[in-house]
Amino acid sequence: MTVSDLKLKIFRQIDSLEKNRLEEFYGILINYINEKKDISDWGKLTQEQKQGIFDAIEEIELGKGISNENVMSKIRKKYPHV
């Protein structure tokens, strides 16, 4: 697959997304792009905040997390006007 073919395939998949999925994808894409560029916020966290993030990652890896879809569904039900 050429670079042009890959770009076209990605574009078509993005173009078919509904608005809310497109916004989610945009956030993921921006996070991916900026992942290695800016880690200055990490240094501003307290040790307790960092440990909380590590604990959350461990819980997710153990299957104890709640999916984004479930969380967003509950939020939409609770705040339908947003």
C-alpha atoms as a PDB file:
ATOM      1  CA  MET A   1       0.000   0.000   0.000  1.00  0.00           C
ATOM      2  CA  THR A   2       1.426   3.360  -0.976  1.00  0.00           C
ATOM      3  CA  VAL A   3       1.421   6.421   1.256  1.00  0.00           C
ATOM      4  CA  SER A   4      -1.244   7.969  -0.990  1.00  0.00           C
ATOM      5  CA  ASP A   5      -3.415   4.836  -0.710  1.00  0.00           C
ATOM      6  CA  LEU A   6      -3.058   4.850   3.052  1.00  0.00           C
ATOM      7  CA  LYS A   7      -3.949   8.546   3.320  1.00  0.00           C
ATOM      8  CA  LEU A   8      -7.020   8.040   1.129  1.00  0.00           C
ATOM      9  CA  LYS A   9      -8.136   5.050   3.189  1.00  0.00           C
ATOM     10  CA  ILE A  10      -7.721   7.023   6.416  1.00  0.00           C
ATOM     11  CA  PHE A  11      -9.552  10.014   4.955  1.00  0.00           C
ATOM     12  CA  ARG A  12     -12.503   7.856   3.878  1.00  0.00           C
ATOM     13  CA  GLN A  13     -12.784   6.287   7.301  1.00  0.00           C
ATOM     14  CA  ILE A  14     -12.621   9.676   9.022  1.00  0.00           C
ATOM     15  CA  ASP A  15     -15.079  11.179   6.558  1.00  0.00           C
ATOM     16  CA  SER A  16     -17.676   8.527   7.435  1.00  0.00           C
ATOM     17  CA  LEU A  17     -17.588   9.220  11.203  1.00  0.00           C
ATOM     18  CA  GLU A  18     -20.523  10.840  12.965  1.00  0.00           C
ATOM     19  CA  LYS A  19     -19.840  14.151  14.721  1.00  0.00           C
ATOM     20  CA  ASN A  20     -19.338  12.760  18.229  1.00  0.00           C
ATOM     21  CA  ARG A  21     -17.022   9.995  16.999  1.00  0.00           C
ATOM     22  CA  LEU A  22     -15.120  12.521  14.882  1.00  0.00           C
ATOM     23  CA  GLU A  23     -14.572  14.720  17.938  1.00  0.00           C
ATOM     24  CA  GLU A  24     -13.330  11.708  19.919  1.00  0.00           C
ATOM     25  CA  PHE A  25     -10.987  10.753  17.096  1.00  0.00           C
ATOM     26  CA  TYR A  26      -9.671  14.307  16.861  1.00  0.00           C
ATOM     27  CA  GLY A  27      -8.809  14.247  20.573  1.00  0.00           C
ATOM     28  CA  ILE A  28      -7.021  10.929  20.202  1.00  0.00           C
ATOM     29  CA  LEU A  29      -5.128  12.163  17.147  1.00  0.00           C
ATOM     30  CA  ILE A  30      -4.000  15.370  18.857  1.00  0.00           C
ATOM     31  CA  ASN A  31      -2.894  13.389  21.911  1.00  0.00           C
ATOM     32  CA  TYR A  32      -0.933  11.017  19.677  1.00  0.00           C
ATOM     33  CA  ILE A  33       0.730  13.847  17.771  1.00  0.00           C
ATOM     34  CA  ASN A  34       1.656  15.731  20.930  1.00  0.00           C
ATOM     35  CA  GLU A  35       2.631  12.639  22.910  1.00  0.00           C
ATOM     36  CA  LYS A  36       6.371  13.035  22.550  1.00  0.00           C
ATOM     37  CA  LYS A  37       6.456  16.806  22.253  1.00  0.00           C
ATOM     38  CA  ASP A  38       5.160  18.125  25.539  1.00  0.00           C
ATOM     39  CA  ILE A  39       5.609  16.395  28.853  1.00  0.00           C
ATOM     40  CA  SER A  40       5.985  19.558  30.909  1.00  0.00           C
ATOM     41  CA  ASP A  41       2.624  19.014  32.618  1.00  0.00           C
ATOM     42  CA  TRP A  42       3.857  15.714  34.065  1.00  0.00           C
ATOM     43  CA  GLY A  43       6.521  17.536  36.027  1.00  0.00           C
ATOM     44  CA  LYS A  44       3.885  19.809  37.566  1.00  0.00           C
ATOM     45  CA  LEU A  45       1.959  16.912  39.101  1.00  0.00           C
ATOM     46  CA  THR A  46       2.350  15.971  42.738  1.00  0.00           C
ATOM     47  CA  GLN A  47       3.651  12.519  43.618  1.00  0.00           C
ATOM     48  CA  GLU A  48       0.130  11.574  44.739  1.00  0.00           C
ATOM     49  CA  GLN A  49      -1.320  12.622  41.368  1.00  0.00           C
ATOM     50  CA  LYS A  50       1.313  10.626  39.501  1.00  0.00           C
ATOM     51  CA  GLN A  51       0.645   7.584  41.694  1.00  0.00           C
ATOM     52  CA  GLY A  52      -3.084   7.956  41.008  1.00  0.00           C
ATOM     53  CA  ILE A  53      -2.412   7.817  37.276  1.00  0.00           C
ATOM     54  CA  PHE A  54      -0.196   4.741  37.676  1.00  0.00           C
ATOM     55  CA  ASP A  55      -2.881   3.077  39.827  1.00  0.00           C
ATOM     56  CA  ALA A  56      -5.545   3.850  37.216  1.00  0.00           C
ATOM     57  CA  ILE A  57      -3.404   2.381  34.428  1.00  0.00           C
ATOM     58  CA  GLU A  58      -2.887  -0.769  36.479  1.00  0.00           C
ATOM     59  CA  GLU A  59      -6.637  -1.111  37.115  1.00  0.00           C
ATOM     60  CA  ILE A  60      -7.360  -0.752  33.410  1.00  0.00           C
ATOM     61  CA  GLU A  61      -4.761  -3.389  32.560  1.00  0.00           C
ATOM     62  CA  LEU A  62      -6.425  -5.713  35.080  1.00  0.00           C
ATOM     63  CA  GLY A  63      -9.803  -5.177  33.404  1.00  0.00           C
ATOM     64  CA  LYS A  64     -11.242  -3.138  36.264  1.00  0.00           C
ATOM     65  CA  GLY A  65     -11.834   0.003  34.216  1.00  0.00           C
ATOM     66  CA  ILE A  66     -15.085   1.414  32.895  1.00  0.00           C
ATOM     67  CA  SER A  67     -15.270   1.885  29.147  1.00  0.00           C
ATOM     68  CA  ASN A  68     -15.494   5.379  27.718  1.00  0.00           C
ATOM     69  CA  GLU A  69     -18.760   4.388  26.047  1.00  0.00           C
ATOM     70  CA  ASN A  70     -20.346   3.510  29.398  1.00  0.00           C
ATOM     71  CA  VAL A  71     -19.129   6.697  31.039  1.00  0.00           C
ATOM     72  CA  MET A  72     -20.306   8.880  28.161  1.00  0.00           C
ATOM     73  CA  SER A  73     -23.686   7.138  28.086  1.00  0.00           C
ATOM     74  CA  LYS A  74     -24.220   7.876  31.787  1.00  0.00           C
ATOM     75  CA  ILE A  75     -23.131  11.496  31.334  1.00  0.00           C
ATOM     76  CA  ARG A  76     -25.473  11.984  28.366  1.00  0.00           C
ATOM     77  CA  LYS A  77     -28.389  10.557  30.361  1.00  0.00           C
ATOM     78  CA  LYS A  78     -27.607  12.759  33.342  1.00  0.00           C
ATOM     79  CA  TYR A  79     -26.973  15.908  31.283  1.00  0.00           C
ATOM     80  CA  PRO A  80     -29.046  15.560  28.098  1.00  0.00           C
ATOM     81  CA  HIS A  81     -28.990  19.295  27.391  1.00  0.00           C
ATOM     82  CA  VAL A  82     -25.176  19.460  27.061  1.00  0.00           C
END
